[in-house]
Amino acid sequence: MTRIHNCFRVVSLGTVLALGGSLYAADDKPDKPAKADNTKMNKQDRADTAVTADQQKMNAADRELAQKVRKAITSDKSLSTYAHNVKVIARDGMVTLKGPVRTAEEKTAVEAKATEAAGTGKVTNELTIAPKKDKTS
């Protein structure tokens, strides 16, 4: 009798685990997955004159400049995650900033931090303001 009881216990436990796992997986998926669409930005970066991250120079001076700008931006905890993740591209002592930020004020703040690190006239600001999230969708 103990053997049969243990058998039912194993089957029951297996069933609970299987059902519980599938219920958890079903609850883990959002109703409508968000669609990430960088098509517009990607088209901009295809232009022959576009400065892209792969053009970052690997000489010590440009690497240090990019690190200095990145540290100045990320150390400001009042900036959004968007601002902390902008692209910083240093080439021949010049810095290009690309990517979205949340507000016009953030755009100005990020540029100011880069200018402080790189110097006046050495920063090209190609930052964009991300559209606000629609709370109803």
Protein backbone atom coordinates (compact mmCIF):
# COMPACT_ATOMS: atom_id res chain seq x y z
CA MET A 1 0.00 0.00 0.00
CA THR A 2 2.85 2.38 0.72
CA ARG A 3 4.26 1.70 -2.72
CA ILE A 4 0.99 2.71 -4.42
CA HIS A 5 0.71 5.78 -2.21
CA ASN A 6 4.25 6.89 -3.20
CA CYS A 7 3.45 6.31 -6.85
CA PHE A 8 0.41 8.62 -6.63
CA ARG A 9 2.52 11.19 -4.83
CA VAL A 10 5.12 11.22 -7.63
CA VAL A 11 2.46 11.44 -10.36
CA SER A 12 0.60 14.18 -8.49
CA LEU A 13 3.76 16.17 -7.89
CA GLY A 14 4.73 15.81 -11.55
CA THR A 15 1.30 16.99 -12.67
CA VAL A 16 1.39 19.99 -10.34
CA LEU A 17 4.85 20.98 -11.54
CA ALA A 18 3.90 20.61 -15.19
CA LEU A 19 0.69 22.61 -14.82
CA GLY A 20 2.29 25.20 -12.58
CA GLY A 21 5.14 25.71 -15.04
CA SER A 22 2.78 26.19 -17.98
CA LEU A 23 0.58 28.57 -15.99
CA TYR A 24 3.61 30.59 -14.96
CA ALA A 25 4.85 30.75 -18.55
CA ALA A 26 1.42 31.89 -19.77
CA ASP A 27 1.25 34.66 -17.14
CA ASP A 28 4.77 35.80 -17.96
CA LYS A 29 3.87 36.87 -21.52
CA PRO A 30 2.34 40.31 -22.11
CA ASP A 31 -0.96 40.57 -24.02
CA LYS A 32 0.58 42.71 -26.74
CA PRO A 33 4.34 42.58 -27.06
CA ALA A 34 5.95 45.96 -27.61
CA LYS A 35 7.34 46.37 -31.08
CA ALA A 36 10.84 47.78 -31.17
CA ASP A 37 11.29 49.75 -34.34
CA ASN A 38 14.54 51.54 -35.02
CA THR A 39 13.93 51.70 -38.78
CA LYS A 40 13.97 55.48 -38.90
CA MET A 41 17.22 55.72 -36.92
CA ASN A 42 18.81 52.94 -38.92
CA LYS A 43 18.03 54.78 -42.17
CA GLN A 44 19.72 57.90 -40.78
CA ASP A 45 22.84 55.90 -39.96
CA ARG A 46 23.08 54.53 -43.51
CA ALA A 47 23.95 57.91 -44.99
CA ASP A 48 27.53 58.14 -46.25
CA THR A 49 28.20 61.14 -44.01
CA ALA A 50 26.66 59.62 -40.84
CA VAL A 51 28.95 59.14 -37.87
CA THR A 52 28.34 55.72 -36.35
CA ALA A 53 29.70 53.91 -33.31
CA ASP A 54 31.90 51.65 -35.43
CA GLN A 55 33.83 54.74 -36.50
CA GLN A 56 35.04 55.35 -32.94
CA LYS A 57 38.80 55.76 -33.09
CA MET A 58 40.88 53.31 -31.10
CA ASN A 59 43.75 55.64 -30.30
CA ALA A 60 44.34 56.32 -26.61
CA ALA A 61 43.34 60.00 -26.70
CA ASP A 62 39.94 59.36 -28.32
CA ARG A 63 39.21 56.39 -26.09
CA GLU A 64 39.99 58.48 -23.01
CA LEU A 65 37.85 61.35 -24.32
CA ALA A 66 34.89 59.03 -24.93
CA GLN A 67 35.31 57.54 -21.44
CA LYS A 68 35.47 61.00 -19.87
CA VAL A 69 32.25 62.09 -21.62
CA ARG A 70 30.49 58.81 -20.79
CA LYS A 71 31.47 59.09 -17.11
CA ALA A 72 30.22 62.69 -16.95
CA ILE A 73 26.86 61.63 -18.38
CA THR A 74 26.35 58.46 -16.36
CA SER A 75 27.40 60.02 -13.07
CA ASP A 76 24.41 62.40 -13.24
CA LYS A 77 21.68 60.32 -11.62
CA SER A 78 19.02 62.93 -12.49
CA LEU A 79 19.27 61.89 -16.15
CA SER A 80 17.07 59.12 -17.54
CA THR A 81 18.25 55.70 -18.65
CA TYR A 82 17.83 56.94 -22.21
CA ALA A 83 20.34 59.73 -21.55
CA HIS A 84 22.74 57.37 -19.81
CA ASN A 85 22.71 55.16 -22.91
CA VAL A 86 23.38 57.71 -25.66
CA LYS A 87 26.13 56.89 -28.10
CA VAL A 88 29.34 58.81 -27.51
CA ILE A 89 31.63 58.70 -30.54
CA ALA A 90 35.06 60.33 -30.30
CA ARG A 91 37.09 60.91 -33.44
CA ASP A 92 40.18 63.07 -33.64
CA GLY A 93 39.26 65.01 -30.49
CA MET A 94 35.69 65.67 -31.67
CA VAL A 95 32.65 64.08 -29.97
CA THR A 96 29.36 63.13 -31.60
CA LEU A 97 26.34 62.38 -29.42
CA LYS A 98 23.60 60.18 -30.87
CA GLY A 99 20.45 58.53 -29.61
CA PRO A 100 17.23 59.40 -27.83
CA VAL A 101 16.77 61.30 -24.58
CA ARG A 102 13.52 61.95 -22.72
CA THR A 103 13.28 65.77 -22.84
CA ALA A 104 14.75 68.91 -24.39
CA GLU A 105 16.27 69.71 -21.00
CA GLU A 106 18.04 66.35 -20.97
CA LYS A 107 19.31 66.95 -24.48
CA THR A 108 20.82 70.24 -23.33
CA ALA A 109 22.25 68.71 -20.13
CA VAL A 110 23.95 65.84 -21.99
CA GLU A 111 25.46 68.24 -24.51
CA ALA A 112 26.70 70.50 -21.69
CA LYS A 113 28.39 67.57 -19.95
CA ALA A 114 30.05 66.48 -23.19
CA THR A 115 31.19 70.05 -23.90
CA GLU A 116 32.64 70.34 -20.41
CA ALA A 117 34.64 67.16 -20.98
CA ALA A 118 35.66 67.72 -24.62
CA GLY A 119 35.83 71.51 -24.87
CA THR A 120 33.80 74.23 -26.56
CA GLY A 121 33.16 73.67 -30.25
CA LYS A 122 34.13 69.99 -30.10
CA VAL A 123 30.69 68.41 -29.66
CA THR A 124 28.14 67.58 -32.35
CA ASN A 125 24.72 67.01 -30.82
CA GLU A 126 22.61 64.58 -32.86
CA LEU A 127 20.41 63.59 -29.91
CA THR A 128 16.69 63.19 -30.44
CA ILE A 129 13.80 63.44 -28.02
CA ALA A 130 11.99 60.13 -27.60
CA PRO A 131 8.22 60.24 -27.98
CA LYS A 132 6.28 60.05 -24.73
CA LYS A 133 4.79 56.67 -23.91
CA ASP A 134 1.04 56.48 -24.38
CA LYS A 135 -0.43 55.34 -21.05
CA THR A 136 -3.65 54.06 -22.71
CA SER A 137 -2.03 51.39 -24.87
